[in-house]
PDB file of N, CA and C in Angstrom:
ATOM      1  N   ALA A   1      74.813 180.770  53.608  1.00  0.00           N
ATOM      2  CA  ALA A   1      76.665 180.616  53.557  1.00  0.00           C
ATOM      3  C   ALA A   1      77.175 181.506  54.887  1.00  0.00           C
ATOM      4  N   GLU A   2      76.428 182.507  54.616  1.00  0.00           N
ATOM      5  CA  GLU A   2      76.996 183.632  56.045  1.00  0.00           C
ATOM      6  C   GLU A   2      77.073 183.454  56.885  1.00  0.00           C
ATOM      7  N   LYS A   3      76.214 182.411  57.589  1.00  0.00           N
ATOM      8  CA  LYS A   3      76.088 181.949  59.169  1.00  0.00           C
ATOM      9  C   LYS A   3      77.219 181.027  58.680  1.00  0.00           C
ATOM     10  N   CYS A   4      77.376 180.171  57.804  1.00  0.00           N
ATOM     11  CA  CYS A   4      78.723 179.197  57.766  1.00  0.00           C
ATOM     12  C   CYS A   4      80.196 179.826  58.126  1.00  0.00           C
ATOM     13  N   GLY A   5      80.383 180.695  57.246  1.00  0.00           N
ATOM     14  CA  GLY A   5      81.386 181.724  57.732  1.00  0.00           C
ATOM     15  C   GLY A   5      81.269 182.024  58.955  1.00  0.00           C
ATOM     16  N   PHE A   6      80.463 182.699  59.784  1.00  0.00           N
ATOM     17  CA  PHE A   6      80.425 182.996  60.773  1.00  0.00           C
ATOM     18  C   PHE A   6      81.187 182.020  62.101  1.00  0.00           C
ATOM     19  N   PHE A   7      80.767 180.822  61.858  1.00  0.00           N
ATOM     20  CA  PHE A   7      80.927 179.896  63.084  1.00  0.00           C
ATOM     21  C   PHE A   7      82.239 179.113  62.611  1.00  0.00           C
ATOM     22  N   VAL A   8      82.672 178.829  61.289  1.00  0.00           N
ATOM     23  CA  VAL A   8      83.891 178.646  61.029  1.00  0.00           C
ATOM     24  C   VAL A   8      84.615 179.521  61.283  1.00  0.00           C
ATOM     25  N   SER A   9      84.479 181.025  61.631  1.00  0.00           N
ATOM     26  CA  SER A   9      85.154 182.194  62.073  1.00  0.00           C
ATOM     27  C   SER A   9      85.579 181.801  63.634  1.00  0.00           C
ATOM     28  N   ILE A  10      84.158 181.622  64.225  1.00  0.00           N
ATOM     29  CA  ILE A  10      84.473 181.724  65.570  1.00  0.00           C
ATOM     30  C   ILE A  10      85.081 180.203  66.142  1.00  0.00           C
ATOM     31  N   GLY A  11      85.317 179.040  65.228  1.00  0.00           N
ATOM     32  CA  GLY A  11      85.788 177.962  65.713  1.00  0.00           C
ATOM     33  C   GLY A  11      87.225 178.356  65.787  1.00  0.00           C
ATOM     34  N   HIS A  12      87.517 178.708  64.501  1.00  0.00           N
ATOM     35  CA  HIS A  12      89.159 179.096  64.111  1.00  0.00           C
ATOM     36  C   HIS A  12      89.666 180.037  65.453  1.00  0.00           C
ATOM     37  N   THR A  13      88.675 181.203  65.663  1.00  0.00           N
ATOM     38  CA  THR A  13      89.000 182.085  66.955  1.00  0.00           C
ATOM     39  C   THR A  13      89.502 181.293  67.935  1.00  0.00           C
ATOM     40  N   LEU A  14      87.992 180.444  68.374  1.00  0.00           N
ATOM     41  CA  LEU A  14      88.614 179.788  69.846  1.00  0.00           C
ATOM     42  C   LEU A  14      89.358 179.078  70.107  1.00  0.00           C
ATOM     43  N   HIS A  15      89.743 178.412  68.938  1.00  0.00           N
ATOM     44  CA  HIS A  15      91.001 177.441  68.456  1.00  0.00           C
ATOM     45  C   HIS A  15      91.923 178.417  69.023  1.00  0.00           C
ATOM     46  N   GLU A  16      92.597 179.138  67.931  1.00  0.00           N
ATOM     47  CA  GLU A  16      93.955 180.064  68.080  1.00  0.00           C
ATOM     48  C   GLU A  16      93.748 180.748  69.519  1.00  0.00           C
ATOM     49  N   ASP A  17      93.068 181.168  70.317  1.00  0.00           N
ATOM     50  CA  ASP A  17      93.154 181.740  71.587  1.00  0.00           C
ATOM     51  C   ASP A  17      93.104 180.755  72.758  1.00  0.00           C
ATOM     52  N   LEU A  18      92.608 179.419  72.249  1.00  0.00           N
ATOM     53  CA  LEU A  18      92.783 178.824  73.208  1.00  0.00           C
ATOM     54  C   LEU A  18      93.785 177.536  73.334  1.00  0.00           C
ATOM     55  N   SER A  19      94.315 177.291  71.858  1.00  0.00           N
ATOM     56  CA  SER A  19      95.925 176.890  72.065  1.00  0.00           C
ATOM     57  C   SER A  19      97.194 177.781  72.442  1.00  0.00           C
ATOM     58  N   LYS A  20      96.445 178.944  72.731  1.00  0.00           N
ATOM     59  CA  LYS A  20      97.845 179.731  72.902  1.00  0.00           C
ATOM     60  C   LYS A  20      97.773 179.556  74.773  1.00  0.00           C
ATOM     61  N   HIS A  21      96.699 179.563  75.250  1.00  0.00           N
ATOM     62  CA  HIS A  21      96.981 178.775  76.844  1.00  0.00           C
ATOM     63  C   HIS A  21      96.982 177.372  77.167  1.00  0.00           C
ATOM     64  N   ASN A  22      97.313 176.470  75.730  1.00  0.00           N
ATOM     65  CA  ASN A  22      97.436 174.830  75.970  1.00  0.00           C
ATOM     66  C   ASN A  22      96.149 174.298  76.318  1.00  0.00           C
ATOM     67  N   GLN A  23      95.307 175.029  75.914  1.00  0.00           N
ATOM     68  CA  GLN A  23      93.611 174.747  75.995  1.00  0.00           C
ATOM     69  C   GLN A  23      93.291 174.362  74.779  1.00  0.00           C
ATOM     70  N   TRP A  24      91.578 173.297  75.120  1.00  0.00           N
ATOM     71  CA  TRP A  24      90.957 173.321  73.655  1.00  0.00           C
ATOM     72  C   TRP A  24      89.731 173.164  74.109  1.00  0.00           C
ATOM     73  N   LEU A  25      89.091 173.466  72.978  1.00  0.00           N
ATOM     74  CA  LEU A  25      87.533 173.414  72.976  1.00  0.00           C
ATOM     75  C   LEU A  25      87.150 171.652  72.813  1.00  0.00           C
ATOM     76  N   THR A  26      86.501 171.264  73.768  1.00  0.00           N
ATOM     77  CA  THR A  26      85.701 169.817  73.766  1.00  0.00           C
ATOM     78  C   THR A  26      84.835 169.661  73.469  1.00  0.00           C
ATOM     79  N   GLU A  27      84.021 170.799  73.737  1.00  0.00           N
ATOM     80  CA  GLU A  27      82.358 170.322  73.006  1.00  0.00           C
ATOM     81  C   GLU A  27      81.663 171.653  73.004  1.00  0.00           C
ATOM     82  N   ALA A  28      80.702 172.244  72.489  1.00  0.00           N
ATOM     83  CA  ALA A  28      79.653 173.057  72.130  1.00  0.00           C
ATOM     84  C   ALA A  28      78.488 173.196  72.437  1.00  0.00           C
ATOM     85  N   LEU A  29      77.834 173.986  72.677  1.00  0.00           N
ATOM     86  CA  LEU A  29      76.010 173.812  72.845  1.00  0.00           C
ATOM     87  C   LEU A  29      75.567 175.339  72.637  1.00  0.00           C
ATOM     88  N   LEU A  30      74.716 175.369  71.816  1.00  0.00           N
ATOM     89  CA  LEU A  30      73.936 176.250  70.992  1.00  0.00           C
ATOM     90  C   LEU A  30      72.568 176.286  71.629  1.00  0.00           C
ATOM     91  N   VAL A  31      71.991 177.272  72.191  1.00  0.00           N
ATOM     92  CA  VAL A  31      70.856 177.252  72.303  1.00  0.00           C
ATOM     93  C   VAL A  31      70.091 178.608  71.795  1.00  0.00           C
ATOM     94  N   VAL A  32      69.101 178.367  71.390  1.00  0.00           N
ATOM     95  CA  VAL A  32      68.322 179.602  70.551  1.00  0.00           C
ATOM     96  C   VAL A  32      66.949 179.303  70.869  1.00  0.00           C
ATOM     97  N   GLU A  33      66.269 180.780  70.699  1.00  0.00           N
ATOM     98  CA  GLU A  33      64.672 180.790  70.624  1.00  0.00           C
ATOM     99  C   GLU A  33      64.323 180.950  68.795  1.00  0.00           C
ATOM    100  N   CYS A  34      63.412 180.207  68.708  1.00  0.00           N
ATOM    101  CA  CYS A  34      63.387 180.523  67.129  1.00  0.00           C
ATOM    102  C   CYS A  34      61.698 180.454  66.713  1.00  0.00           C
ATOM    103  N   TRP A  35      61.312 180.231  65.687  1.00  0.00           N
ATOM    104  CA  TRP A  35      60.547 179.631  64.899  1.00  0.00           C
ATOM    105  C   TRP A  35      60.590 178.137  64.833  1.00  0.00           C
ATOM    106  N   TYR A  36      59.366 177.670  64.784  1.00  0.00           N
ATOM    107  CA  TYR A  36      59.544 176.523  64.438  1.00  0.00           C
ATOM    108  C   TYR A  36      58.272 175.749  63.780  1.00  0.00           C
ATOM    109  N   VAL A  37      58.659 175.058  62.849  1.00  0.00           N
ATOM    110  CA  VAL A  37      56.950 174.508  62.009  1.00  0.00           C
ATOM    111  C   VAL A  37      57.184 173.024  61.671  1.00  0.00           C
ATOM    112  N   ASP A  38      55.956 172.506  62.507  1.00  0.00           N
ATOM    113  CA  ASP A  38      56.595 170.991  62.341  1.00  0.00           C
ATOM    114  C   ASP A  38      55.463 170.238  61.085  1.00  0.00           C
ATOM    115  N   GLY A  39      56.760 169.986  60.052  1.00  0.00           N
ATOM    116  CA  GLY A  39      56.565 169.214  59.147  1.00  0.00           C
ATOM    117  C   GLY A  39      55.444 168.134  59.314  1.00  0.00           C
ATOM    118  N   GLN A  40      55.110 167.837  60.335  1.00  0.00           N
ATOM    119  CA  GLN A  40      54.250 166.229  60.352  1.00  0.00           C
ATOM    120  C   GLN A  40      52.527 166.694  60.331  1.00  0.00           C
ATOM    121  N   LYS A  41      52.415 168.489  60.629  1.00  0.00           N
ATOM    122  CA  LYS A  41      51.411 168.827  61.175  1.00  0.00           C
ATOM    123  C   LYS A  41      51.196 170.062  60.155  1.00  0.00           C
ATOM    124  N   ALA A  42      52.154 170.906  59.354  1.00  0.00           N
ATOM    125  CA  ALA A  42      51.808 171.735  58.603  1.00  0.00           C
ATOM    126  C   ALA A  42      51.922 171.176  57.610  1.00  0.00           C
ATOM    127  N   PRO A  43      50.909 172.247  56.294  1.00  0.00           N
ATOM    128  CA  PRO A  43      51.656 171.750  54.533  1.00  0.00           C
ATOM    129  C   PRO A  43      52.481 172.679  54.544  1.00  0.00           C
ATOM    130  N   ASP A  44      53.040 171.953  53.354  1.00  0.00           N
ATOM    131  CA  ASP A  44      53.742 172.747  52.608  1.00  0.00           C
ATOM    132  C   ASP A  44      55.227 173.761  53.388  1.00  0.00           C
ATOM    133  N   ILE A  45      55.610 173.334  54.401  1.00  0.00           N
ATOM    134  CA  ILE A  45      56.509 173.534  55.304  1.00  0.00           C
ATOM    135  C   ILE A  45      57.811 174.626  54.614  1.00  0.00           C
ATOM    136  N   HIS A  46      58.280 173.903  53.748  1.00  0.00           N
ATOM    137  CA  HIS A  46      59.227 174.778  52.876  1.00  0.00           C
ATOM    138  C   HIS A  46      58.531 176.062  51.621  1.00  0.00           C
ATOM    139  N   ALA A  47      57.323 176.321  51.920  1.00  0.00           N
ATOM    140  CA  ALA A  47      56.985 176.966  50.991  1.00  0.00           C
ATOM    141  C   ALA A  47      56.997 179.054  51.312  1.00  0.00           C
ATOM    142  N   VAL A  48      57.003 179.317  52.811  1.00  0.00           N
ATOM    143  CA  VAL A  48      57.832 180.713  53.080  1.00  0.00           C
ATOM    144  C   VAL A  48      58.614 179.945  54.444  1.00  0.00           C
ATOM    145  N   PRO A  49      59.304 181.127  54.886  1.00  0.00           N
ATOM    146  CA  PRO A  49      60.241 180.971  55.841  1.00  0.00           C
ATOM    147  C   PRO A  49      59.514 181.019  56.846  1.00  0.00           C
ATOM    148  N   PRO A  50      60.099 180.229  57.923  1.00  0.00           N
ATOM    149  CA  PRO A  50      59.307 179.933  58.992  1.00  0.00           C
ATOM    150  C   PRO A  50      58.604 180.797  59.730  1.00  0.00           C
ATOM    151  N   SER A  51      59.097 181.801  59.641  1.00  0.00           N
ATOM    152  CA  SER A  51      58.790 183.305  60.547  1.00  0.00           C
ATOM    153  C   SER A  51      57.342 183.813  59.811  1.00  0.00           C
ATOM    154  N   GLN A  52      57.369 183.200  58.878  1.00  0.00           N
ATOM    155  CA  GLN A  52      55.802 183.762  57.902  1.00  0.00           C
ATOM    156  C   GLN A  52      55.002 182.804  57.907  1.00  0.00           C
ATOM    157  N   HIS A  53      55.135 181.407  58.170  1.00  0.00           N
ATOM    158  CA  HIS A  53      54.348 180.346  57.829  1.00  0.00           C
ATOM    159  C   HIS A  53      53.306 180.563  59.165  1.00  0.00           C
ATOM    160  N   PRO A  54      51.972 180.189  58.627  1.00  0.00           N
ATOM    161  CA  PRO A  54      50.693 180.414  59.224  1.00  0.00           C
ATOM    162  C   PRO A  54      50.647 179.190  60.181  1.00  0.00           C
ATOM    163  N   CYS A  55      51.698 178.033  60.550  1.00  0.00           N
ATOM    164  CA  CYS A  55      51.266 176.935  61.605  1.00  0.00           C
ATOM    165  C   CYS A  55      52.634 177.194  62.241  1.00  0.00           C
ATOM    166  N   ARG A  56      53.326 178.443  62.415  1.00  0.00           N
ATOM    167  CA  ARG A  56      54.434 178.353  63.425  1.00  0.00           C
ATOM    168  C   ARG A  56      54.358 178.517  64.686  1.00  0.00           C
ATOM    169  N   GLU A  57      55.488 177.837  65.299  1.00  0.00           N
ATOM    170  CA  GLU A  57      55.333 177.878  66.989  1.00  0.00           C
ATOM    171  C   GLU A  57      57.059 178.600  67.309  1.00  0.00           C
ATOM    172  N   GLU A  58      56.787 179.116  68.715  1.00  0.00           N
ATOM    173  CA  GLU A  58      57.873 179.583  69.131  1.00  0.00           C
ATOM    174  C   GLU A  58      58.568 178.426  69.647  1.00  0.00           C
ATOM    175  N   ALA A  59      59.954 178.195  69.835  1.00  0.00           N
ATOM    176  CA  ALA A  59      60.169 177.274  70.162  1.00  0.00           C
ATOM    177  C   ALA A  59      61.888 177.546  70.910  1.00  0.00           C
ATOM    178  N   ILE A  60      62.277 176.763  72.024  1.00  0.00           N
ATOM    179  CA  ILE A  60      63.763 176.913  72.315  1.00  0.00           C
ATOM    180  C   ILE A  60      64.435 175.606  71.730  1.00  0.00           C
ATOM    181  N   ILE A  61      65.556 175.608  70.880  1.00  0.00           N
ATOM    182  CA  ILE A  61      66.307 174.449  70.652  1.00  0.00           C
ATOM    183  C   ILE A  61      67.997 174.950  71.327  1.00  0.00           C
ATOM    184  N   ALA A  62      68.254 173.395  71.290  1.00  0.00           N
ATOM    185  CA  ALA A  62      68.852 173.322  71.983  1.00  0.00           C
ATOM    186  C   ALA A  62      70.202 171.947  71.199  1.00  0.00           C
ATOM    187  N   VAL A  63      71.276 172.543  70.518  1.00  0.00           N
ATOM    188  CA  VAL A  63      71.802 171.795  70.027  1.00  0.00           C
ATOM    189  C   VAL A  63      73.313 171.328  70.975  1.00  0.00           C
ATOM    190  N   ALA A  64      73.806 170.132  71.006  1.00  0.00           N
ATOM    191  CA  ALA A  64      74.987 169.910  71.767  1.00  0.00           C
ATOM    192  C   ALA A  64      76.360 168.882  70.502  1.00  0.00           C
ATOM    193  N   VAL A  65      77.412 169.114  70.397  1.00  0.00           N
ATOM    194  CA  VAL A  65      77.910 168.340  69.953  1.00  0.00           C
ATOM    195  C   VAL A  65      79.599 168.199  70.290  1.00  0.00           C
ATOM    196  N   ASN A  66      80.431 167.078  70.692  1.00  0.00           N
ATOM    197  CA  ASN A  66      81.684 167.175  71.127  1.00  0.00           C
ATOM    198  C   ASN A  66      82.647 167.551  69.717  1.00  0.00           C
ATOM    199  N   ALA A  67      83.965 167.710  69.973  1.00  0.00           N
ATOM    200  CA  ALA A  67      84.839 167.915  69.246  1.00  0.00           C
ATOM    201  C   ALA A  67      85.204 167.047  68.442  1.00  0.00           C
ATOM    202  N   LYS A  68      85.178 166.045  68.498  1.00  0.00           N
ATOM    203  CA  LYS A  68      86.070 164.804  67.451  1.00  0.00           C
ATOM    204  C   LYS A  68      84.179 164.541  66.494  1.00  0.00           C
ATOM    205  N   ARG A  69      82.799 165.391  67.071  1.00  0.00           N
ATOM    206  CA  ARG A  69      81.696 165.015  66.322  1.00  0.00           C
ATOM    207  C   ARG A  69      80.855 163.829  66.045  1.00  0.00           C
ATOM    208  N   THR A  70      81.271 163.190  67.061  1.00  0.00           N
ATOM    209  CA  THR A  70      81.253 161.553  67.570  1.00  0.00           C
ATOM    210  C   THR A  70      79.980 161.673  68.477  1.00  0.00           C
ATOM    211  N   ARG A  71      78.975 162.572  68.880  1.00  0.00           N
ATOM    212  CA  ARG A  71      78.166 162.444  69.875  1.00  0.00           C
ATOM    213  C   ARG A  71      77.734 163.767  69.769  1.00  0.00           C
ATOM    214  N   LYS A  72      76.176 163.760  69.653  1.00  0.00           N
ATOM    215  CA  LYS A  72      75.141 165.015  69.368  1.00  0.00           C
ATOM    216  C   LYS A  72      74.052 164.246  70.359  1.00  0.00           C
ATOM    217  N   SER A  73      73.263 165.874  70.884  1.00  0.00           N
ATOM    218  CA  SER A  73      72.045 166.083  71.483  1.00  0.00           C
ATOM    219  C   SER A  73      71.689 166.832  70.573  1.00  0.00           C
ATOM    220  N   LEU A  74      70.354 166.722  70.631  1.00  0.00           N
ATOM    221  CA  LEU A  74      69.182 168.009  70.035  1.00  0.00           C
ATOM    222  C   LEU A  74      68.093 167.903  70.525  1.00  0.00           C
ATOM    223  N   ALA A  75      67.600 169.004  71.030  1.00  0.00           N
ATOM    224  CA  ALA A  75      66.097 169.226  71.577  1.00  0.00           C
ATOM    225  C   ALA A  75      65.462 170.050  71.385  1.00  0.00           C
ATOM    226  N   VAL A  76      64.044 170.146  70.694  1.00  0.00           N
ATOM    227  CA  VAL A  76      63.371 170.847  70.430  1.00  0.00           C
ATOM    228  C   VAL A  76      62.082 171.542  71.242  1.00  0.00           C
ATOM    229  N   GLN A  77      62.019 172.449  71.904  1.00  0.00           N
ATOM    230  CA  GLN A  77      60.902 172.706  72.755  1.00  0.00           C
ATOM    231  C   GLN A  77      59.989 173.667  72.627  1.00  0.00           C
ATOM    232  N   PRO A  78      58.910 173.537  71.721  1.00  0.00           N
ATOM    233  CA  PRO A  78      57.884 174.832  71.529  1.00  0.00           C
ATOM    234  C   PRO A  78      57.307 174.949  72.887  1.00  0.00           C
ATOM    235  N   PHE A  79      57.042 176.238  72.900  1.00  0.00           N
ATOM    236  CA  PHE A  79      56.321 176.870  73.552  1.00  0.00           C
ATOM    237  C   PHE A  79      54.971 177.709  73.106  1.00  0.00           C
ATOM    238  N   THR A  80      53.885 177.855  73.781  1.00  0.00           N
ATOM    239  CA  THR A  80      53.539 179.214  73.613  1.00  0.00           C
ATOM    240  C   THR A  80      53.256 180.540  75.004  1.00  0.00           C
ATOM    241  N   ARG A  81      52.419 181.351  74.882  1.00  0.00           N
ATOM    242  CA  ARG A  81      52.730 182.667  76.155  1.00  0.00           C
ATOM    243  C   ARG A  81      51.195 182.243  76.635  1.00  0.00           C
ATOM    244  N   ASP A  82      50.903 182.612  77.772  1.00  0.00           N
ATOM    245  CA  ASP A  82      49.457 182.959  78.319  1.00  0.00           C
ATOM    246  C   ASP A  82      49.350 184.278  78.002  1.00  0.00           C
ATOM    247  N   GLU A  83      48.227 184.643  78.430  1.00  0.00           N
ATOM    248  CA  GLU A  83      47.582 186.196  78.743  1.00  0.00           C
ATOM    249  C   GLU A  83      48.335 186.623  79.609  1.00  0.00           C
ATOM    250  N   HIS A  84      49.580 186.447  80.049  1.00  0.00           N
ATOM    251  CA  HIS A  84      50.284 187.432  81.082  1.00  0.00           C
ATOM    252  C   HIS A  84      51.701 187.195  80.282  1.00  0.00           C
ATOM    253  N   ARG A  85      52.076 186.830  79.169  1.00  0.00           N
ATOM    254  CA  ARG A  85      52.900 186.523  78.639  1.00  0.00           C
ATOM    255  C   ARG A  85      54.071 185.699  78.672  1.00  0.00           C
ATOM    256  N   GLN A  86      53.614 184.685  80.341  1.00  0.00           N
ATOM    257  CA  GLN A  86      54.412 183.689  80.449  1.00  0.00           C
ATOM    258  C   GLN A  86      54.409 182.400  79.384  1.00  0.00           C
ATOM    259  N   LEU A  87      55.647 181.875  79.398  1.00  0.00           N
ATOM    260  CA  LEU A  87      56.386 180.697  78.725  1.00  0.00           C
ATOM    261  C   LEU A  87      54.862 179.498  79.569  1.00  0.00           C
ATOM    262  N   VAL A  88      54.676 178.994  78.601  1.00  0.00           N
ATOM    263  CA  VAL A  88      53.381 177.625  78.619  1.00  0.00           C
ATOM    264  C   VAL A  88      54.431 176.769  77.835  1.00  0.00           C
ATOM    265  N   TRP A  89      54.483 175.548  78.356  1.00  0.00           N
ATOM    266  CA  TRP A  89      56.156 174.449  77.653  1.00  0.00           C
ATOM    267  C   TRP A  89      54.801 173.445  76.561  1.00  0.00           C
ATOM    268  N   SER A  90      54.937 173.357  75.786  1.00  0.00           N
ATOM    269  CA  SER A  90      54.262 172.007  74.821  1.00  0.00           C
ATOM    270  C   SER A  90      55.023 171.041  74.909  1.00  0.00           C
ATOM    271  N   GLU A  91      54.442 169.720  74.077  1.00  0.00           N
ATOM    272  CA  GLU A  91      54.868 168.684  73.949  1.00  0.00           C
ATOM    273  C   GLU A  91      56.672 168.721  73.437  1.00  0.00           C
ATOM    274  N   VAL A  92      57.489 168.264  74.057  1.00  0.00           N
ATOM    275  CA  VAL A  92      58.754 167.816  73.217  1.00  0.00           C
ATOM    276  C   VAL A  92      58.639 167.734  71.915  1.00  0.00           C
ATOM    277  N   LYS A  93      59.425 168.443  71.004  1.00  0.00           N
ATOM    278  CA  LYS A  93      59.025 167.737  69.456  1.00  0.00           C
ATOM    279  C   LYS A  93      60.063 166.690  68.718  1.00  0.00           C
ATOM    280  N   CYS A  94      61.018 167.245  69.777  1.00  0.00           N
ATOM    281  CA  CYS A  94      62.629 166.378  69.039  1.00  0.00           C
ATOM    282  C   CYS A  94      63.069 166.129  70.029  1.00  0.00           C
ATOM    283  N   ALA A  95      64.005 164.670  70.375  1.00  0.00           N
ATOM    284  CA  ALA A  95      64.790 165.063  71.571  1.00  0.00           C
ATOM    285  C   ALA A  95      65.880 163.437  71.172  1.00  0.00           C
ATOM    286  N   ALA A  96      66.987 163.873  71.163  1.00  0.00           N
ATOM    287  CA  ALA A  96      68.436 162.934  71.191  1.00  0.00           C
ATOM    288  C   ALA A  96      69.380 163.315  72.071  1.00  0.00           C
ATOM    289  N   TYR A  97      69.670 162.592  73.032  1.00  0.00           N
ATOM    290  CA  TYR A  97      70.342 162.901  73.745  1.00  0.00           C
ATOM    291  C   TYR A  97      71.664 161.926  73.556  1.00  0.00           C
ATOM    292  N   ASN A  98      73.115 162.498  73.630  1.00  0.00           N
ATOM    293  CA  ASN A  98      74.236 162.235  73.372  1.00  0.00           C
ATOM    294  C   ASN A  98      74.460 160.908  72.714  1.00  0.00           C
ATOM    295  N   THR A  99      73.335 161.135  71.756  1.00  0.00           N
ATOM    296  CA  THR A  99      73.557 159.465  70.371  1.00  0.00           C
ATOM    297  C   THR A  99      74.764 159.608  69.795  1.00  0.00           C
ATOM    298  N   SER A 100      75.154 158.606  69.522  1.00  0.00           N
ATOM    299  CA  SER A 100      76.640 158.606  68.675  1.00  0.00           C
ATOM    300  C   SER A 100      76.121 158.827  67.114  1.00  0.00           C
ATOM    301  N   THR A 101      77.231 159.641  66.463  1.00  0.00           N
ATOM    302  CA  THR A 101      76.798 160.061  64.962  1.00  0.00           C
ATOM    303  C   THR A 101      77.223 158.711  64.196  1.00  0.00           C
ATOM    304  N   ILE A 102      78.167 157.806  64.613  1.00  0.00           N
ATOM    305  CA  ILE A 102      78.808 156.394  63.918  1.00  0.00           C
ATOM    306  C   ILE A 102      77.764 155.724  64.151  1.00  0.00           C
ATOM    307  N   GLU A 103      77.404 155.659  65.166  1.00  0.00           N
ATOM    308  CA  GLU A 103      75.879 154.499  65.254  1.00  0.00           C
ATOM    309  C   GLU A 103      74.766 154.686  64.121  1.00  0.00           C
ATOM    310  N   GLU A 104      74.832 156.300  64.746  1.00  0.00           N
ATOM    311  CA  GLU A 104      73.204 156.865  63.950  1.00  0.00           C
ATOM    312  C   GLU A 104      73.461 158.032  63.447  1.00  0.00           C
ATOM    313  N   PRO A 105      73.844 158.085  61.726  1.00  0.00           N
ATOM    314  CA  PRO A 105      74.290 159.237  61.266  1.00  0.00           C
ATOM    315  C   PRO A 105      73.367 160.273  61.263  1.00  0.00           C
ATOM    316  N   MET A 106      73.739 161.990  61.961  1.00  0.00           N
ATOM    317  CA  MET A 106      72.399 162.966  62.329  1.00  0.00           C
ATOM    318  C   MET A 106      73.032 163.747  61.330  1.00  0.00           C
ATOM    319  N   TRP A 107      72.607 165.134  60.909  1.00  0.00           N
ATOM    320  CA  TRP A 107      72.224 165.761  60.492  1.00  0.00           C
ATOM    321  C   TRP A 107      73.955 166.724  61.050  1.00  0.00           C
ATOM    322  N   GLU A 108      74.224 167.534  60.103  1.00  0.00           N
ATOM    323  CA  GLU A 108      75.558 168.616  60.595  1.00  0.00           C
ATOM    324  C   GLU A 108      74.589 169.718  60.271  1.00  0.00           C
ATOM    325  N   GLY A 109      75.132 170.457  61.053  1.00  0.00           N
ATOM    326  CA  GLY A 109      74.855 171.812  61.469  1.00  0.00           C
ATOM    327  C   GLY A 109      75.678 173.011  61.719  1.00  0.00           C
ATOM    328  N   LEU A 110      75.186 174.322  61.963  1.00  0.00           N
ATOM    329  CA  LEU A 110      76.319 175.360  61.987  1.00  0.00           C
ATOM    330  C   LEU A 110      77.275 174.790  63.441  1.00  0.00           C
ATOM    331  N   LEU A 111      76.808 174.016  64.126  1.00  0.00           N
ATOM    332  CA  LEU A 111      77.689 173.938  65.492  1.00  0.00           C
ATOM    333  C   LEU A 111      78.978 172.989  65.141  1.00  0.00           C
ATOM    334  N   ASP A 112      78.379 172.514  63.882  1.00  0.00           N
ATOM    335  CA  ASP A 112      80.093 171.246  63.725  1.00  0.00           C
ATOM    336  C   ASP A 112      81.154 172.357  63.082  1.00  0.00           C
ATOM    337  N   LEU A 113      80.536 173.291  62.759  1.00  0.00           N
ATOM    338  CA  LEU A 113      81.837 174.072  61.677  1.00  0.00           C
ATOM    339  C   LEU A 113      82.690 174.704  62.741  1.00  0.00           C
ATOM    340  N   ILE A 114      82.126 174.883  64.046  1.00  0.00           N
ATOM    341  CA  ILE A 114      83.147 175.101  65.246  1.00  0.00           C
ATOM    342  C   ILE A 114      84.222 174.593  65.432  1.00  0.00           C
ATOM    343  N   PHE A 115      84.125 173.258  64.641  1.00  0.00           N
ATOM    344  CA  PHE A 115      85.371 172.322  64.638  1.00  0.00           C
ATOM    345  C   PHE A 115      86.142 171.931  63.804  1.00  0.00           C
ATOM    346  N   HIS A 116      85.571 172.526  62.776  1.00  0.00           N
ATOM    347  CA  HIS A 116      86.215 172.199  61.149  1.00  0.00           C
ATOM    348  C   HIS A 116      87.365 172.739  61.426  1.00  0.00           C
ATOM    349  N   PRO A 117      88.291 171.803  60.667  1.00  0.00           N
ATOM    350  CA  PRO A 117      89.862 172.115  61.059  1.00  0.00           C
ATOM    351  C   PRO A 117      90.464 173.627  60.138  1.00  0.00           C
ATOM    352  N   ALA A 118      91.409 174.002  60.874  1.00  0.00           N
ATOM    353  CA  ALA A 118      91.895 175.580  60.431  1.00  0.00           C
ATOM    354  C   ALA A 118      92.276 175.042  58.610  1.00  0.00           C
TER     355      ALA A 118
END
């Protein structure tokens, strides 16, 4: 709930600041590094937080959405690290690019909250 409030607040602040200059936010992109647990490989994925799950992987997750929330993109890119701590990319686990949310309804996430009406 706290993160939801942050994203709504960010959206309101951006809307207020941009509208003063007759500008509008048309799309948003969120890129995070996080822990990822593959639900098809790991048992009881909700038993513990991803950061504590024995089957966790590191991943880069990118989510994009347009202001009307009619188009979305999502990519989950897991990775490991070699002996020199350099990233080694694994197979992409999830990828949906520029998908119509009207034809194929998708999840609603934190990024959608940026565009909630004031």
